[in-house]
Structure formats: structure tokens, C-alpha cells
Amino acid sequence: MTASGTFGYGEEYAPFIDLNALGAIIVKGLSLNPRMGNPPPRIIETASGMLNAIGLQNVGVQAFIEKKLPYLRALDVPVIANILGENPDDYQHIAEMLTRADGLHALEVNISCPNVSKGGIAFGSNPEMAMDIVRRVKSATSLPVIVKLTPNVTDIAVIAEAVEAAGADAVSLINTITGMSIDVEKRIPHLKNITGGLSGPAIKPIALRMVWQVVNRVSIPVIGIGGIMDTNDALEFLVAGATAVQIGTANFINPQSTALILNGIISFMETHHVQDIHELIGSLRC
């Protein structure tokens, strides 16, 4: 799968890869109304990673339905909409609109963005608030509901258990880890927002550990995200128990990353005589 916020609305990557070959396209997060996001500068490279404080800039759900969804409907690949809100009512309303629109295969509920002043991580760090949002979304849609979890909590498995109890069909993790970077010469933050979300290979060991923990605490599917840059990274998440993976920051380095990793998994299975991907999923020996 493609990680939300790193693959636009899908069409942008069509010149580089066969979109229909992917497991799913997850589009950029959608809010009830268009968002301009945070002021620049809002992206900076770090050692083995990237800090971003985009602030969930997007066209808004209605413009997505009218201008982006028609192209996606014509593809032969599952399309998943990532949704976000400033309050629980927003999530419910967006879910209703997208369900009526037709052409989507699932919703990914973002309760974990660290770069916004309202909603975001506040929902994802509180089990009761997370459960309320999931219940509202589930009541508004017949689509499968995936809940994207924040790593910026004491115990991510507690949040995973809460959203599972509220009816989530799957969880995806992790979103970015809050960090910052400073320009020593000017003595100011590199990001206008001061802090941002750290992604890329630097966070993979943390993401892998959290995925493994959650796999052992919930019975719903777990989708692994975080620093997956190559085939071996993806395989680690599968062996840890993830039933699928999302590729994020790697898309900025090489727009063909998702296709290369997918082909790499197929080659690994052929080389090791693996007939079914489920032979790898959850095969960790401890």
C-alpha cells in the first residue's frame, strides 16, 4: 500500500509505476473543508529521515469527490481514503460523504497527526476519544475502517485494543514521531511549526517493535508503516505479524519504490519457495 500523505491522490505517480499493480492506494488525508496547511518551511531532511510539518494540506472532501475520485474509480486497484477532523463530528460527516460517493474500498481514520493544533494526536492518545471517533465513523459507513495510530503515546497497544473494541476492522501503525531540528547559526527552528513528524529509516526499529507489540494484543489485521525503504524492511514487518505494509518516505526518494518493493517480495518468495504470503506473516521465532 502507499502511505497517506506521500503519494498525493494517486494520479501524480501514474507516470512512474503501474498503479494497478499495487495492493492499494491510500490518498492524501481529507478534511471536511480545504486546508492550506502550515506555513513554510515545513520539510527538512535529517540524519536517516525527514521532518515534516505539512499540516494536512488537502483539497477537502467535496473537491476530492468531484475532481480526484473519478480518475481513481477507473483504476483496477483498491482505493482507501484517509480522513481527518478537528472534532468527532467531522469524521462522521466525512465518512458519510465518502460512502455515498462510491468508488472507495475502505477508510483510514487518521487520529495521529502530530502537526496540527486541533484533533490529530489528541484523539489518538486518548483511548476514550479514539473509541468515540471509531464508533461514529462505523455508524456512518459500510466500508472497512482502518485506524491509523500514533507512536507518541506510552503504550500504543492500549490504543489499538480500544479501537478494536470500538469496531475497527484493522489498525495501521505507526504515524510519524514528533521531533525538531535547529539552525545553530540562526538559532531558530528549521521548521516554521517548530516541531514536525519524523519519518524514514530512522524510525523503522521503533515502528517494527510497535507493530510486533500490537500484533500480540489485537485480533484484527495490523498494517505496518515506518521507515520501509526496501524489500527487506517490508519483509521484517510481515514476519513480525503485519498483514500488509505501507510505503511512505521512500516515495520521495524514488517514485518507483512501491513497485520495486512489491517485486522484491515476489522474488524473495520465489527464491525461498514460499507459496503463500501467509507463510511469512507472523513467522517470527522468539
Foldseek 3Di string as FASTA:
>chain_A
DADAPFCALPPVLVVPDQSLVFQEAEHHEAWQAADQFDDDPAWDADVQWIFGQRRRGDHHLVCCLVPPQVVLLPGNHAYEYEYEYLALVRLLVSLLVVQVSDRHAAYEYAQAFPNHDGGHNVQQQDLVSVLSSLLSSVVRHPHQYEYEHEPPYPANLSSLVSNVVSPHQEYEDDWFDKDWAADVVVRHTNGPSRIGGIAAQVCLVVQLVNLLVNQVRDDHAYEGEGHDQAQVSQLSSQQSAHPYYHDGPNCVVPVCRSVRNVVVPVVVCVVVVPPDSNCSGNNDDD
